[in-house]
Amino acid sequence: MSGAIELIVEGFVSLKDRTALDELRIQRRKLIADLDACTGIDSTSTVQQIEEDIIVIEAGLARLDGATTS
């Protein structure tokens, strides 16, 4: 699935759509909070995947930041 998020992030970066990337990151963080609130299920691997998505999203945001400061 990380391949999909990488393509999505790449699209938003090429469009210079910081708002979309921020919203994507917020949505992923909310998913983690919701999963952490669940009891009776082991969501460790899912949370790990979402955290990896957030890393990709933040790298895209950093690329945008670098593009605006150049």
Protein backbone atom coordinates (compact mmCIF):
# COMPACT_ATOMS: atom_id res chain seq x y z
CA MET A 1 0.00 0.00 0.00
CA SER A 2 2.91 2.37 0.56
CA GLY A 3 3.36 2.40 -3.23
CA ALA A 4 -0.11 3.90 -3.56
CA ILE A 5 0.54 6.59 -0.96
CA GLU A 6 3.81 7.44 -2.68
CA LEU A 7 1.96 7.99 -5.97
CA ILE A 8 -0.68 10.12 -4.25
CA VAL A 9 1.94 12.22 -2.49
CA GLU A 10 3.92 12.61 -5.71
CA GLY A 11 0.78 13.89 -7.43
CA PHE A 12 0.09 16.44 -4.71
CA VAL A 13 3.73 17.56 -4.69
CA SER A 14 3.71 18.04 -8.46
CA LEU A 15 0.53 20.11 -8.08
CA LYS A 16 2.12 21.98 -5.16
CA ASP A 17 -1.01 21.15 -3.13
CA ARG A 18 0.19 21.57 0.45
CA THR A 19 -3.39 21.69 1.76
CA ALA A 20 -4.18 18.25 0.36
CA LEU A 21 -1.00 16.81 1.89
CA ASP A 22 -1.79 18.39 5.26
CA GLU A 23 -5.32 16.96 5.16
CA LEU A 24 -3.96 13.54 4.23
CA ARG A 25 -1.57 13.64 7.19
CA ILE A 26 -4.34 14.77 9.56
CA GLN A 27 -6.59 11.96 8.33
CA ARG A 28 -3.84 9.39 8.89
CA ARG A 29 -3.17 10.68 12.40
CA LYS A 30 -6.90 10.45 13.17
CA LEU A 31 -6.91 6.85 11.96
CA ILE A 32 -4.10 6.04 14.37
CA ALA A 33 -5.98 7.70 17.25
CA ASP A 34 -9.14 5.78 16.38
CA LEU A 35 -7.26 2.49 16.19
CA ASP A 36 -5.49 3.17 19.48
CA ALA A 37 -8.89 3.72 21.09
CA CYS A 38 -10.14 0.31 19.97
CA THR A 39 -9.93 -2.51 22.46
CA GLY A 40 -9.88 -6.21 21.76
CA ILE A 41 -8.02 -6.05 18.46
CA ASP A 42 -4.34 -6.00 17.61
CA SER A 43 -3.88 -3.10 15.24
CA THR A 44 -0.11 -2.92 15.57
CA SER A 45 0.69 -3.73 11.94
CA THR A 46 -2.01 -1.38 10.65
CA VAL A 47 -0.75 1.47 12.83
CA GLN A 48 2.79 0.77 11.64
CA GLN A 49 1.67 1.01 7.99
CA ILE A 50 -0.16 4.27 8.67
CA GLU A 51 2.94 5.66 10.40
CA GLU A 52 4.96 4.75 7.30
CA ASP A 53 2.37 6.62 5.20
CA ILE A 54 2.81 9.68 7.42
CA ILE A 55 6.58 9.54 6.86
CA VAL A 56 5.99 9.58 3.09
CA ILE A 57 3.51 12.45 3.42
CA GLU A 58 5.91 14.46 5.58
CA ALA A 59 8.69 13.89 3.06
CA GLY A 60 6.38 15.33 0.40
CA LEU A 61 5.67 18.33 2.60
CA ALA A 62 9.41 18.81 3.12
CA ARG A 63 9.91 18.75 -0.65
CA LEU A 64 7.31 21.48 -1.00
CA ASP A 65 9.01 23.49 1.74
CA GLY A 66 12.33 23.12 -0.05
CA ALA A 67 10.77 24.19 -3.35
CA THR A 68 9.35 27.36 -1.81
CA THR A 69 12.61 28.38 -0.14
CA SER A 70 14.77 27.93 -3.26
